[in-house]
Protein backbone atom coordinates (compact mmCIF):
# COMPACT_ATOMS: atom_id res chain seq x y z
CA MET A 1 47.28 68.10 215.12
CA ALA A 2 46.01 64.96 213.29
CA VAL A 3 45.63 61.60 215.18
CA VAL A 4 45.92 58.56 212.91
CA VAL A 5 44.80 55.16 214.32
CA GLY A 6 45.75 51.98 212.42
CA LEU A 7 44.30 48.52 213.03
CA LEU A 8 45.69 45.27 211.70
CA SER A 9 43.45 42.04 211.78
CA VAL A 10 44.97 38.86 211.22
CA GLU A 11 43.21 35.40 211.03
CA LEU A 12 45.82 32.71 211.86
CA PHE A 13 45.78 28.95 211.33
CA VAL A 14 47.86 27.49 214.14
CA SER A 15 49.14 24.41 212.34
CA ASP A 16 50.83 22.46 215.32
CA ALA A 17 48.08 23.18 217.82
CA VAL A 18 46.18 20.24 218.95
CA SER A 19 44.75 21.90 222.21
CA LEU A 20 43.91 25.30 223.45
CA LYS A 21 47.17 25.26 225.53
CA ASP A 22 49.28 24.84 222.38
CA ARG A 23 47.33 27.64 220.70
CA ARG A 24 47.80 29.92 223.69
CA SER A 25 51.54 29.21 223.55
CA VAL A 26 51.80 30.34 219.97
CA VAL A 27 49.57 33.28 220.44
CA LYS A 28 51.16 34.50 223.68
CA SER A 29 54.69 34.33 222.12
CA LEU A 30 53.48 36.50 219.15
CA THR A 31 51.62 39.00 221.17
CA ASP A 32 54.61 39.40 223.53
CA ARG A 33 57.06 39.85 220.74
CA LEU A 34 54.70 42.30 218.82
CA ALA A 35 54.25 44.49 221.97
CA SER A 36 58.02 44.49 222.85
CA ARG A 37 59.48 45.05 219.35
CA HIS A 38 56.91 47.28 217.74
CA ASN A 39 55.31 49.10 220.55
CA VAL A 40 51.76 48.19 219.45
CA ALA A 41 48.69 47.02 221.54
CA VAL A 42 47.75 43.41 220.74
CA ALA A 43 44.51 41.63 221.45
CA ASP A 44 43.61 37.89 220.94
CA LEU A 45 40.11 37.80 219.87
CA GLY A 46 39.62 34.15 219.80
CA PRO A 47 37.94 32.06 218.80
CA ASP A 48 38.31 29.10 221.22
CA ARG A 49 39.44 26.61 218.70
CA ALA A 50 42.65 24.89 218.99
CA ASN A 51 43.88 25.67 215.48
CA GLN A 52 42.46 29.10 214.87
CA ALA A 53 43.32 32.68 216.25
CA ILE A 54 42.40 36.28 215.29
CA LEU A 55 44.71 38.95 216.43
CA ALA A 56 44.06 42.63 216.47
CA VAL A 57 47.09 45.00 216.37
CA THR A 58 46.73 48.69 216.81
CA THR A 59 48.86 51.70 216.88
CA VAL A 60 48.50 55.46 216.97
CA ALA A 61 50.60 58.16 215.55
CA ASN A 62 50.31 61.62 213.81
CA ASP A 63 51.60 60.45 210.38
CA GLU A 64 49.59 57.94 208.30
CA ALA A 65 52.87 56.68 206.70
CA HIS A 66 54.32 55.87 210.10
CA VAL A 67 51.15 53.81 211.07
CA HIS A 68 51.65 51.83 207.82
CA ARG A 69 55.24 51.16 208.45
CA VAL A 70 54.65 50.02 212.01
CA LEU A 71 51.71 47.71 210.92
CA ASN A 72 53.46 46.28 208.18
CA ALA A 73 56.53 45.40 210.33
CA ALA A 74 54.14 43.86 212.82
CA LEU A 75 52.55 41.79 209.98
CA ARG A 76 56.12 40.63 208.82
CA LEU A 77 56.81 39.45 212.23
CA ILE A 78 53.52 37.54 212.36
CA GLU A 79 54.15 36.05 208.96
CA SER A 80 57.61 34.83 210.16
CA GLU A 81 56.27 32.64 212.82
CA PRO A 82 56.55 29.04 211.46
CA ARG A 83 53.83 27.63 213.73
CA ALA A 84 50.99 29.94 212.24
CA VAL A 85 49.88 30.78 208.91
CA CYS A 86 48.00 33.83 207.95
CA GLU A 87 44.73 33.22 206.43
CA ARG A 88 43.37 36.66 206.19
CA VAL A 89 44.92 40.14 206.73
CA GLU A 90 43.20 43.47 206.84
CA ILE A 91 44.75 46.91 207.61
CA GLU A 92 42.42 49.76 208.30
CA ILE A 93 43.29 53.46 209.06
CA LEU A 94 40.68 54.94 211.34
C-alpha cells in the first residue's frame, strides 16, 4: 500500500495585528478551523513578529489526488481569512 504525505507551507501577512496577541488570535482561529474542518495537522512555525506567520499543514492518505484535494481545500480556507494575506504558498508531496 502506498502512503502519500502532503505538506502545505503558507507565509502569511497578518494585516490587523499590532501585537503578538493579535497575531496569535488570528493564527489560533485558522489552525482550529483547519484541524476541525479538514482533519489535518497544523503547526505555527513563527516567526515571533506581530504581522507575520508561517503555517505548516499536513495530511496523509493512500491517494495523491486526495492529498491534493485536502490541501487545496485547506488553502482556500486560509485564503478566505480576511485578516491575513498569503504571501507565499508551497505544496509538496513527500
